[in-house]
Amino acid sequence: MREKKFLYFIGFVSIASWLVHFLTYSNQYSNQEIMEGIIFIFLLTTIYFVLIRIYFSWNSGPKIVIRFLFITGLVLLGWITFIIESSA
């Protein structure tokens, strides 16, 4: 149970640190960039919290999370390859 609380703590710290970053450096970003950043971070941390919940609540949670991370990694590799090829 300690691992679950620690992982939730990491999620909350990441949200708080990004919000503090945007508040501290708000003069360097436009309002649209700040809103895009906040929405992006909230979407990512929501996915993070859902994966933590699945991992610790379901019997097959670790398998589901590993598969999700593997598929996400493949998609990111494909995306990076596409960006590199299109910029060359």
N, C-alpha and C. Protein backbone atom coordinates (compact mmCIF):
# COMPACT_ATOMS: atom_id res chain seq x y z
N MET A 1 0.81 -1.20 0.00
CA MET A 1 0.00 0.00 0.00
C MET A 1 0.86 1.27 0.00
N ARG A 2 2.05 1.17 0.55
CA ARG A 2 2.94 2.34 0.58
C ARG A 2 3.34 2.76 -0.83
N GLU A 3 3.53 1.77 -1.72
CA GLU A 3 3.92 2.10 -3.09
C GLU A 3 2.82 2.89 -3.79
N LYS A 4 1.58 2.50 -3.55
CA LYS A 4 0.46 3.18 -4.18
C LYS A 4 0.39 4.64 -3.73
N LYS A 5 0.53 4.87 -2.43
CA LYS A 5 0.50 6.24 -1.91
C LYS A 5 1.67 7.05 -2.46
N PHE A 6 2.83 6.43 -2.57
CA PHE A 6 3.99 7.13 -3.11
C PHE A 6 3.77 7.52 -4.57
N LEU A 7 3.20 6.62 -5.36
CA LEU A 7 2.94 6.92 -6.77
C LEU A 7 1.90 8.02 -6.92
N TYR A 8 0.87 8.00 -6.06
CA TYR A 8 -0.10 9.09 -6.08
C TYR A 8 0.56 10.41 -5.69
N PHE A 9 1.46 10.37 -4.72
CA PHE A 9 2.18 11.57 -4.30
C PHE A 9 2.99 12.15 -5.47
N ILE A 10 3.65 11.28 -6.23
CA ILE A 10 4.41 11.73 -7.40
C ILE A 10 3.48 12.44 -8.39
N GLY A 11 2.30 11.90 -8.61
CA GLY A 11 1.34 12.53 -9.52
C GLY A 11 0.92 13.91 -9.06
N PHE A 12 0.61 14.03 -7.78
CA PHE A 12 0.20 15.34 -7.26
C PHE A 12 1.34 16.35 -7.29
N VAL A 13 2.55 15.89 -6.99
CA VAL A 13 3.71 16.79 -7.04
C VAL A 13 3.95 17.27 -8.48
N SER A 14 3.76 16.38 -9.45
CA SER A 14 3.97 16.79 -10.85
C SER A 14 2.96 17.85 -11.27
N ILE A 15 1.70 17.68 -10.88
CA ILE A 15 0.69 18.69 -11.20
C ILE A 15 1.06 20.02 -10.54
N ALA A 16 1.37 19.96 -9.26
CA ALA A 16 1.69 21.19 -8.53
C ALA A 16 2.92 21.89 -9.10
N SER A 17 3.95 21.12 -9.45
CA SER A 17 5.17 21.75 -9.96
C SER A 17 4.94 22.42 -11.30
N TRP A 18 4.13 21.81 -12.16
CA TRP A 18 3.84 22.45 -13.44
C TRP A 18 3.01 23.71 -13.27
N LEU A 19 2.03 23.66 -12.35
CA LEU A 19 1.24 24.86 -12.11
C LEU A 19 2.10 25.99 -11.55
N VAL A 20 3.01 25.66 -10.63
CA VAL A 20 3.92 26.67 -10.10
C VAL A 20 4.82 27.20 -11.22
N HIS A 21 5.27 26.33 -12.09
CA HIS A 21 6.11 26.77 -13.22
C HIS A 21 5.36 27.76 -14.09
N PHE A 22 4.12 27.43 -14.44
CA PHE A 22 3.36 28.33 -15.30
C PHE A 22 3.04 29.65 -14.59
N LEU A 23 2.81 29.62 -13.29
CA LEU A 23 2.57 30.86 -12.56
C LEU A 23 3.84 31.70 -12.46
N THR A 24 4.97 31.04 -12.24
CA THR A 24 6.23 31.76 -12.08
C THR A 24 6.69 32.39 -13.39
N TYR A 25 6.54 31.67 -14.48
CA TYR A 25 7.03 32.15 -15.78
C TYR A 25 5.88 32.54 -16.71
N SER A 26 4.80 33.03 -16.14
CA SER A 26 3.63 33.36 -16.97
C SER A 26 3.91 34.49 -17.95
N ASN A 27 4.89 35.33 -17.65
CA ASN A 27 5.20 36.42 -18.57
C ASN A 27 5.93 35.94 -19.82
N GLN A 28 6.45 34.72 -19.82
CA GLN A 28 7.16 34.18 -20.98
C GLN A 28 6.24 33.40 -21.92
N TYR A 29 5.02 33.14 -21.48
CA TYR A 29 4.08 32.35 -22.27
C TYR A 29 2.83 33.16 -22.55
N SER A 30 2.21 32.87 -23.69
CA SER A 30 0.91 33.48 -23.97
C SER A 30 -0.16 32.71 -23.19
N ASN A 31 -1.34 33.31 -23.07
CA ASN A 31 -2.43 32.63 -22.36
C ASN A 31 -2.79 31.31 -23.01
N GLN A 32 -2.73 31.27 -24.34
CA GLN A 32 -3.06 30.04 -25.05
C GLN A 32 -2.04 28.94 -24.73
N GLU A 33 -0.76 29.29 -24.69
CA GLU A 33 0.26 28.29 -24.37
C GLU A 33 0.12 27.79 -22.94
N ILE A 34 -0.23 28.67 -22.02
CA ILE A 34 -0.42 28.25 -20.63
C ILE A 34 -1.61 27.30 -20.53
N MET A 35 -2.71 27.63 -21.20
CA MET A 35 -3.89 26.75 -21.15
C MET A 35 -3.59 25.40 -21.80
N GLU A 36 -2.88 25.42 -22.94
CA GLU A 36 -2.51 24.16 -23.58
C GLU A 36 -1.64 23.32 -22.67
N GLY A 37 -0.68 23.95 -21.99
CA GLY A 37 0.19 23.23 -21.08
C GLY A 37 -0.57 22.64 -19.90
N ILE A 38 -1.47 23.42 -19.32
CA ILE A 38 -2.25 22.93 -18.18
C ILE A 38 -3.15 21.78 -18.60
N ILE A 39 -3.81 21.90 -19.74
CA ILE A 39 -4.67 20.82 -20.23
C ILE A 39 -3.84 19.56 -20.50
N PHE A 40 -2.69 19.73 -21.12
CA PHE A 40 -1.81 18.59 -21.41
C PHE A 40 -1.38 17.88 -20.14
N ILE A 41 -0.95 18.63 -19.13
CA ILE A 41 -0.50 18.04 -17.88
C ILE A 41 -1.66 17.34 -17.17
N PHE A 42 -2.84 17.95 -17.16
CA PHE A 42 -3.98 17.31 -16.52
C PHE A 42 -4.39 16.03 -17.24
N LEU A 43 -4.31 16.01 -18.57
CA LEU A 43 -4.62 14.79 -19.31
C LEU A 43 -3.61 13.69 -18.99
N LEU A 44 -2.33 14.04 -18.99
CA LEU A 44 -1.30 13.04 -18.70
C LEU A 44 -1.40 12.51 -17.28
N THR A 45 -1.63 13.39 -16.32
CA THR A 45 -1.72 12.91 -14.95
C THR A 45 -3.00 12.11 -14.71
N THR A 46 -4.06 12.42 -15.44
CA THR A 46 -5.27 11.61 -15.35
C THR A 46 -4.99 10.19 -15.84
N ILE A 47 -4.31 10.07 -16.97
CA ILE A 47 -3.92 8.75 -17.47
C ILE A 47 -3.02 8.06 -16.46
N TYR A 48 -2.08 8.79 -15.88
CA TYR A 48 -1.17 8.24 -14.87
C TYR A 48 -1.95 7.69 -13.68
N PHE A 49 -2.92 8.47 -13.15
CA PHE A 49 -3.70 8.02 -12.00
C PHE A 49 -4.58 6.81 -12.35
N VAL A 50 -5.12 6.80 -13.55
CA VAL A 50 -5.93 5.64 -13.99
C VAL A 50 -5.06 4.39 -14.06
N LEU A 51 -3.85 4.52 -14.60
CA LEU A 51 -2.95 3.37 -14.68
C LEU A 51 -2.55 2.88 -13.29
N ILE A 52 -2.32 3.79 -12.35
CA ILE A 52 -2.01 3.37 -10.98
C ILE A 52 -3.19 2.61 -10.39
N ARG A 53 -4.39 3.13 -10.60
CA ARG A 53 -5.61 2.49 -10.07
C ARG A 53 -5.77 1.09 -10.67
N ILE A 54 -5.60 0.97 -11.97
CA ILE A 54 -5.71 -0.33 -12.63
C ILE A 54 -4.64 -1.28 -12.11
N TYR A 55 -3.42 -0.81 -11.98
CA TYR A 55 -2.30 -1.65 -11.55
C TYR A 55 -2.56 -2.26 -10.18
N PHE A 56 -3.06 -1.47 -9.25
CA PHE A 56 -3.22 -1.95 -7.89
C PHE A 56 -4.60 -2.55 -7.61
N SER A 57 -5.60 -2.30 -8.44
CA SER A 57 -6.96 -2.76 -8.14
C SER A 57 -7.35 -4.04 -8.86
N TRP A 58 -6.84 -4.26 -10.05
CA TRP A 58 -7.26 -5.42 -10.82
C TRP A 58 -6.24 -6.54 -10.68
N ASN A 59 -6.72 -7.77 -10.81
CA ASN A 59 -5.81 -8.92 -10.75
C ASN A 59 -4.83 -8.91 -11.92
N SER A 60 -5.31 -8.54 -13.08
CA SER A 60 -4.44 -8.50 -14.26
C SER A 60 -3.92 -7.08 -14.52
N GLY A 61 -3.95 -6.23 -13.51
CA GLY A 61 -3.53 -4.84 -13.65
C GLY A 61 -2.12 -4.66 -14.16
N PRO A 62 -1.13 -5.37 -13.58
CA PRO A 62 0.24 -5.20 -14.09
C PRO A 62 0.38 -5.54 -15.57
N LYS A 63 -0.31 -6.59 -16.02
CA LYS A 63 -0.24 -6.96 -17.43
C LYS A 63 -0.84 -5.88 -18.32
N ILE A 64 -1.97 -5.33 -17.89
CA ILE A 64 -2.63 -4.28 -18.67
C ILE A 64 -1.75 -3.05 -18.77
N VAL A 65 -1.16 -2.65 -17.65
CA VAL A 65 -0.31 -1.46 -17.63
C VAL A 65 0.92 -1.66 -18.50
N ILE A 66 1.55 -2.83 -18.42
CA ILE A 66 2.73 -3.10 -19.25
C ILE A 66 2.36 -3.07 -20.72
N ARG A 67 1.23 -3.65 -21.09
CA ARG A 67 0.81 -3.62 -22.50
C ARG A 67 0.53 -2.19 -22.96
N PHE A 68 -0.13 -1.41 -22.11
CA PHE A 68 -0.40 -0.02 -22.45
C PHE A 68 0.90 0.75 -22.67
N LEU A 69 1.85 0.57 -21.77
CA LEU A 69 3.13 1.27 -21.90
C LEU A 69 3.90 0.81 -23.14
N PHE A 70 3.83 -0.48 -23.46
CA PHE A 70 4.51 -1.00 -24.65
C PHE A 70 3.90 -0.40 -25.91
N ILE A 71 2.58 -0.40 -25.99
CA ILE A 71 1.90 0.16 -27.17
C ILE A 71 2.18 1.65 -27.29
N THR A 72 2.15 2.35 -26.15
CA THR A 72 2.46 3.78 -26.16
C THR A 72 3.88 4.03 -26.64
N GLY A 73 4.82 3.21 -26.20
CA GLY A 73 6.20 3.33 -26.65
C GLY A 73 6.34 3.12 -28.15
N LEU A 74 5.62 2.12 -28.68
CA LEU A 74 5.67 1.88 -30.13
C LEU A 74 5.09 3.06 -30.91
N VAL A 75 3.98 3.60 -30.41
CA VAL A 75 3.38 4.76 -31.08
C VAL A 75 4.34 5.95 -31.06
N LEU A 76 5.00 6.18 -29.93
CA LEU A 76 5.95 7.28 -29.84
C LEU A 76 7.14 7.07 -30.77
N LEU A 77 7.64 5.85 -30.86
CA LEU A 77 8.74 5.57 -31.79
C LEU A 77 8.32 5.83 -33.23
N GLY A 78 7.11 5.41 -33.59
CA GLY A 78 6.60 5.67 -34.93
C GLY A 78 6.45 7.15 -35.20
N TRP A 79 5.97 7.87 -34.21
CA TRP A 79 5.79 9.31 -34.34
C TRP A 79 7.13 10.02 -34.50
N ILE A 80 8.11 9.64 -33.70
CA ILE A 80 9.44 10.25 -33.80
C ILE A 80 10.06 9.94 -35.16
N THR A 81 9.91 8.70 -35.63
CA THR A 81 10.43 8.33 -36.94
C THR A 81 9.77 9.16 -38.03
N PHE A 82 8.47 9.34 -37.94
CA PHE A 82 7.75 10.16 -38.92
C PHE A 82 8.26 11.59 -38.92
N ILE A 83 8.46 12.16 -37.74
CA ILE A 83 8.94 13.54 -37.65
C ILE A 83 10.34 13.66 -38.23
N ILE A 84 11.21 12.71 -37.93
CA ILE A 84 12.58 12.76 -38.46
C ILE A 84 12.58 12.62 -39.97
N GLU A 85 11.79 11.69 -40.49
CA GLU A 85 11.74 11.47 -41.94
C GLU A 85 11.13 12.67 -42.67
N SER A 86 10.12 13.29 -42.08
CA SER A 86 9.47 14.40 -42.77
C SER A 86 10.31 15.67 -42.73
N SER A 87 11.20 15.79 -41.74
CA SER A 87 12.04 16.99 -41.67
C SER A 87 13.30 16.86 -42.52
N ALA A 88 13.62 15.66 -42.98
CA ALA A 88 14.84 15.46 -43.78
C ALA A 88 14.63 15.81 -45.23
